[in-house]
Amino acid sequence: MSDQIPPPNEVPPTSPPPYTPPPAPMAGPGPGPVGGEQPLSQSDERLWGMLAQLGGIILGFLSGLIVMLVFGKRSAFVNDQAKEALNFQITLIIGWVIAFVLSFLLIGFLLFPILWILNIVFCIIAGMANNRGEAYRYPFTLRLVK
């Protein structure tokens, strides 16, 4: 018997395969770019218009501003209603400042609850109108953002 160990199989060195570029994307319909400017559906328009209005109760002018900046380019209705909500909230801020100044004359304390109630009532009315797909115009609002 021979105690010889057979030599290991020698594997010839391999070179990496040549580079092949990925296939070109196919033309035709497909999903748009991520975050693209796709128009909103009618139900989304009503939803975001309503949220811009109702958000003013809690977030003040920020709800209208955020909705206008994020969805304003995708829908004329949402852009219009977000600007309307923003203008109403800016008008209320001016009212709060006037009420604060007048509170030194003791009449401003009467204006605080009035402004608070007006904000809640008109935001709900506007939000429900937007939910029905109707544009809403606040009475006595300065149209500063156009």
Protein backbone atom coordinates (compact mmCIF):
# COMPACT_ATOMS: atom_id res chain seq x y z
CA MET A 1 0.00 0.00 0.00
CA SER A 2 1.20 3.31 -0.70
CA ASP A 3 0.64 6.16 1.68
CA GLN A 4 0.60 8.81 -0.92
CA ILE A 5 -2.06 11.50 -0.74
CA PRO A 6 -3.42 12.44 -4.09
CA PRO A 7 -2.80 16.07 -5.03
CA PRO A 8 -5.79 18.39 -4.56
CA ASN A 9 -7.70 19.28 -7.64
CA GLU A 10 -6.26 22.43 -8.94
CA VAL A 11 -8.85 24.99 -9.98
CA PRO A 12 -7.64 27.33 -12.65
CA PRO A 13 -7.97 31.01 -11.64
CA THR A 14 -11.11 32.62 -12.99
CA SER A 15 -11.54 36.20 -14.01
CA PRO A 16 -14.68 38.17 -13.09
CA PRO A 17 -17.35 38.33 -15.76
CA PRO A 18 -17.25 41.41 -17.96
CA TYR A 19 -19.43 44.35 -16.86
CA THR A 20 -22.82 44.53 -18.46
CA PRO A 21 -24.90 47.67 -17.86
CA PRO A 22 -28.41 47.25 -16.46
CA PRO A 23 -31.23 47.25 -19.00
CA ALA A 24 -32.69 50.61 -19.92
CA PRO A 25 -36.06 51.39 -18.33
CA MET A 26 -38.99 50.67 -20.53
CA ALA A 27 -40.99 53.60 -21.79
CA GLY A 28 -44.68 53.71 -21.15
CA PRO A 29 -47.12 54.13 -18.31
CA GLY A 30 -45.95 53.38 -14.85
CA PRO A 31 -45.67 54.93 -11.46
CA GLY A 32 -44.46 58.49 -11.51
CA PRO A 33 -41.45 59.75 -9.67
CA VAL A 34 -41.50 59.53 -5.90
CA GLY A 35 -43.14 62.69 -4.59
CA GLY A 36 -44.15 63.74 -8.09
CA GLU A 37 -46.70 66.40 -8.83
CA GLN A 38 -49.60 64.07 -9.49
CA PRO A 39 -53.01 65.73 -9.17
CA LEU A 40 -55.14 64.84 -6.18
CA SER A 41 -58.31 62.84 -6.55
CA GLN A 42 -61.58 64.58 -5.78
CA SER A 43 -61.96 62.80 -2.45
CA ASP A 44 -58.38 63.75 -1.49
CA GLU A 45 -59.09 67.36 -2.43
CA ARG A 46 -62.10 67.41 -0.12
CA LEU A 47 -60.13 65.73 2.67
CA TRP A 48 -57.15 68.09 2.58
CA GLY A 49 -59.38 71.15 2.20
CA MET A 50 -61.34 70.05 5.26
CA LEU A 51 -58.17 69.32 7.26
CA ALA A 52 -56.75 72.74 6.42
CA GLN A 53 -59.90 74.33 7.82
CA LEU A 54 -60.43 72.13 10.88
CA GLY A 55 -56.74 72.12 11.76
CA GLY A 56 -57.03 75.82 12.50
CA ILE A 57 -58.88 74.97 15.73
CA ILE A 58 -55.80 73.25 17.16
CA LEU A 59 -52.81 74.34 15.07
CA GLY A 60 -53.87 77.86 14.15
CA PHE A 61 -52.30 79.21 10.97
CA LEU A 62 -49.91 76.23 10.67
CA SER A 63 -52.54 73.85 9.29
CA GLY A 64 -53.42 76.10 6.36
CA LEU A 65 -49.77 76.91 5.72
CA ILE A 66 -48.65 73.27 5.72
CA VAL A 67 -51.50 72.09 3.48
CA MET A 68 -50.89 74.98 1.09
CA LEU A 69 -47.18 74.24 0.81
CA VAL A 70 -47.48 70.46 0.55
CA PHE A 71 -50.63 70.01 -1.58
CA GLY A 72 -51.22 73.46 -3.09
CA LYS A 73 -49.45 72.68 -6.37
CA ARG A 74 -51.40 69.47 -6.84
CA SER A 75 -54.91 70.94 -6.60
CA ALA A 76 -56.35 74.39 -7.23
CA PHE A 77 -59.22 73.69 -4.81
CA VAL A 78 -56.89 72.69 -1.96
CA ASN A 79 -54.63 75.68 -2.67
CA ASP A 80 -57.58 78.08 -2.58
CA GLN A 81 -59.07 76.64 0.61
CA ALA A 82 -55.71 76.39 2.40
CA LYS A 83 -55.10 80.07 1.61
CA GLU A 84 -58.58 80.90 2.87
CA ALA A 85 -57.90 79.04 6.13
CA LEU A 86 -54.52 80.75 6.44
CA ASN A 87 -56.05 84.20 5.90
CA PHE A 88 -58.74 83.52 8.51
CA GLN A 89 -56.19 82.39 11.08
CA ILE A 90 -54.00 85.45 10.40
CA THR A 91 -57.07 87.65 10.88
CA LEU A 92 -57.73 85.89 14.20
CA ILE A 93 -54.13 86.46 15.29
CA ILE A 94 -54.61 90.17 14.65
CA GLY A 95 -57.84 89.97 16.67
CA TRP A 96 -56.01 88.23 19.55
CA VAL A 97 -53.35 90.96 19.58
CA ILE A 98 -56.02 93.69 19.63
CA ALA A 99 -57.88 91.86 22.42
CA PHE A 100 -54.65 91.58 24.41
CA VAL A 101 -53.97 95.31 24.06
CA LEU A 102 -57.57 96.11 24.99
CA SER A 103 -57.40 93.83 28.01
CA PHE A 104 -55.52 96.60 29.77
CA LEU A 105 -58.73 98.59 29.44
CA LEU A 106 -60.72 95.55 30.68
CA ILE A 107 -62.76 95.29 27.47
CA GLY A 108 -60.32 92.84 25.89
CA PHE A 109 -61.30 90.12 28.32
CA LEU A 110 -64.72 90.08 26.64
CA LEU A 111 -63.12 89.58 23.22
CA PHE A 112 -61.08 86.47 24.14
CA PRO A 113 -64.05 84.07 24.43
CA ILE A 114 -65.74 85.65 21.40
CA LEU A 115 -62.66 85.05 19.23
CA TRP A 116 -62.31 81.51 20.55
CA ILE A 117 -65.95 80.66 19.76
CA LEU A 118 -65.76 82.31 16.31
CA ASN A 119 -62.67 80.23 15.50
CA ILE A 120 -64.37 76.95 16.42
CA VAL A 121 -67.70 77.71 14.74
CA PHE A 122 -66.33 79.08 11.46
CA CYS A 123 -63.65 76.38 11.14
CA ILE A 124 -66.31 73.69 11.52
CA ILE A 125 -68.61 75.38 8.99
CA ALA A 126 -65.73 75.74 6.52
CA GLY A 127 -64.55 72.18 7.07
CA MET A 128 -68.00 70.73 6.44
CA ALA A 129 -68.40 72.84 3.29
CA ASN A 130 -65.04 71.55 2.02
CA ASN A 131 -66.07 68.00 2.84
CA ARG A 132 -69.06 68.48 0.53
CA GLY A 133 -66.69 69.78 -2.17
CA GLU A 134 -67.80 73.40 -1.83
CA ALA A 135 -65.42 76.34 -1.55
CA TYR A 136 -65.97 78.43 1.59
CA ARG A 137 -65.29 82.13 2.14
CA TYR A 138 -64.97 83.38 5.70
CA PRO A 139 -66.81 86.61 6.47
CA PHE A 140 -64.77 89.53 7.80
CA THR A 141 -61.42 88.03 6.77
CA LEU A 142 -58.43 89.97 5.53
CA ARG A 143 -57.20 88.39 2.29
CA LEU A 144 -53.47 88.85 2.88
CA VAL A 145 -52.24 85.63 1.23
CA LYS A 146 -53.30 85.49 -2.41
